[in-house]
Amino acid sequence: MEFSSYIIGIIFIGLGFLIKAFPGLIAGYNTMSDEEKKNIDVEGLGTYGRNCLVGIGLAIIIAIGVLNLLELSYYAEYAFFPIVLVGMIAMIVGSQKYDHNP
């Protein structure tokens, strides 16, 4: 489990940089009308999304590393879900400030 967790952390980091480079990957953005897209701060939203996903990826990698150092690698699989859950909730809630649609 531990090696695949490092890979998942790296995937989150890569997704963060992809979101920044290609804002069309942001869920729901590409299905908005042109008028709705004008009211979205795409630059800020892309940066925020990148920062959240990179943070989630780094948190996964650090948590797995610390648990391995403490010889608690058994708990590594339990650390993954809360990190992703809390990170995604923070990302969804925080991204609302970049949507200026009425």
Protein backbone atom coordinates (compact mmCIF):
# COMPACT_ATOMS: atom_id res chain seq x y z
CA MET A 1 0.00 0.00 0.00
CA GLU A 2 2.74 2.45 0.86
CA PHE A 3 4.36 2.67 -2.60
CA SER A 4 0.99 3.17 -4.28
CA SER A 5 0.19 5.93 -1.78
CA TYR A 6 3.27 7.82 -2.88
CA ILE A 7 2.10 7.42 -6.49
CA ILE A 8 -1.35 8.74 -5.57
CA GLY A 9 0.26 11.74 -3.86
CA ILE A 10 2.28 12.45 -7.01
CA ILE A 11 -0.88 12.11 -9.12
CA PHE A 12 -2.64 14.73 -6.96
CA ILE A 13 0.31 17.08 -7.42
CA GLY A 14 0.28 16.51 -11.19
CA LEU A 15 -3.48 17.14 -11.33
CA GLY A 16 -2.96 20.41 -9.50
CA PHE A 17 -0.58 21.66 -12.17
CA LEU A 18 -2.88 20.40 -14.94
CA ILE A 19 -5.83 22.34 -13.46
CA LYS A 20 -3.73 25.50 -13.40
CA ALA A 21 -2.62 25.05 -17.02
CA PHE A 22 -6.02 23.89 -18.37
CA PRO A 23 -8.93 25.51 -16.48
CA GLY A 24 -11.39 23.61 -18.69
CA LEU A 25 -10.64 20.60 -16.48
CA ILE A 26 -12.35 22.30 -13.55
CA ALA A 27 -15.63 20.49 -12.89
CA GLY A 28 -18.58 22.42 -14.29
CA TYR A 29 -16.54 25.22 -15.86
CA ASN A 30 -16.63 23.86 -19.39
CA THR A 31 -20.42 23.39 -19.25
CA MET A 32 -21.11 27.02 -18.26
CA SER A 33 -22.47 29.52 -20.74
CA ASP A 34 -20.14 32.25 -21.99
CA GLU A 35 -21.91 34.79 -19.76
CA GLU A 36 -21.34 32.64 -16.67
CA LYS A 37 -17.69 32.08 -17.59
CA LYS A 38 -17.15 35.86 -17.70
CA ASN A 39 -18.09 36.04 -14.01
CA ILE A 40 -15.55 33.42 -12.92
CA ASP A 41 -12.07 34.42 -11.78
CA VAL A 42 -10.39 31.62 -13.75
CA GLU A 43 -6.86 32.67 -12.84
CA GLY A 44 -7.62 32.73 -9.12
CA LEU A 45 -9.67 29.53 -9.26
CA GLY A 46 -6.92 27.71 -11.14
CA THR A 47 -4.31 28.86 -8.65
CA TYR A 48 -6.50 27.89 -5.70
CA GLY A 49 -7.25 24.48 -7.22
CA ARG A 50 -3.57 23.87 -7.89
CA ASN A 51 -2.62 24.84 -4.34
CA CYS A 52 -5.28 22.58 -2.82
CA LEU A 53 -4.38 19.55 -4.94
CA VAL A 54 -0.64 20.02 -4.39
CA GLY A 55 -1.33 20.37 -0.65
CA ILE A 56 -3.35 17.15 -0.63
CA GLY A 57 -0.61 15.33 -2.54
CA LEU A 58 2.13 16.60 -0.23
CA ALA A 59 0.06 15.76 2.86
CA ILE A 60 -0.37 12.19 1.61
CA ILE A 61 3.35 11.81 0.88
CA ILE A 62 4.39 13.33 4.22
CA ALA A 63 1.86 11.30 6.22
CA ILE A 64 2.98 8.05 4.63
CA GLY A 65 6.62 8.95 5.20
CA VAL A 66 6.07 9.83 8.86
CA LEU A 67 4.04 6.70 9.51
CA ASN A 68 6.78 4.59 7.92
CA LEU A 69 9.45 6.31 10.04
CA LEU A 70 7.42 5.60 13.17
CA GLU A 71 7.01 1.99 12.02
CA LEU A 72 3.26 2.46 11.84
CA SER A 73 2.91 1.71 8.14
CA TYR A 74 -0.17 -0.39 8.94
CA TYR A 75 -2.09 2.86 9.55
CA ALA A 76 -1.05 4.39 6.23
CA GLU A 77 -4.14 3.14 4.47
CA TYR A 78 -6.30 4.83 7.12
CA ALA A 79 -4.51 8.18 6.73
CA PHE A 80 -5.31 8.46 3.04
CA PHE A 81 -9.09 8.88 3.20
CA PRO A 82 -9.28 11.70 5.82
CA ILE A 83 -6.57 13.69 4.04
CA VAL A 84 -8.41 13.54 0.73
CA LEU A 85 -11.82 14.15 2.30
CA VAL A 86 -10.76 17.22 4.28
CA GLY A 87 -8.75 18.56 1.34
CA MET A 88 -11.63 18.20 -1.11
CA ILE A 89 -14.13 19.81 1.26
CA ALA A 90 -11.76 22.74 1.76
CA MET A 91 -11.29 22.99 -2.00
CA ILE A 92 -15.03 23.00 -2.73
CA VAL A 93 -15.88 25.51 -0.01
CA GLY A 94 -12.95 27.83 -0.75
CA SER A 95 -13.49 27.84 -4.50
CA GLN A 96 -16.90 29.50 -4.08
CA LYS A 97 -15.26 32.91 -3.65
CA TYR A 98 -14.07 32.82 -7.29
CA ASP A 99 -17.61 32.45 -8.66
CA HIS A 100 -19.16 35.90 -9.03
CA ASN A 101 -22.36 34.71 -10.73
CA PRO A 102 -25.63 35.87 -9.12
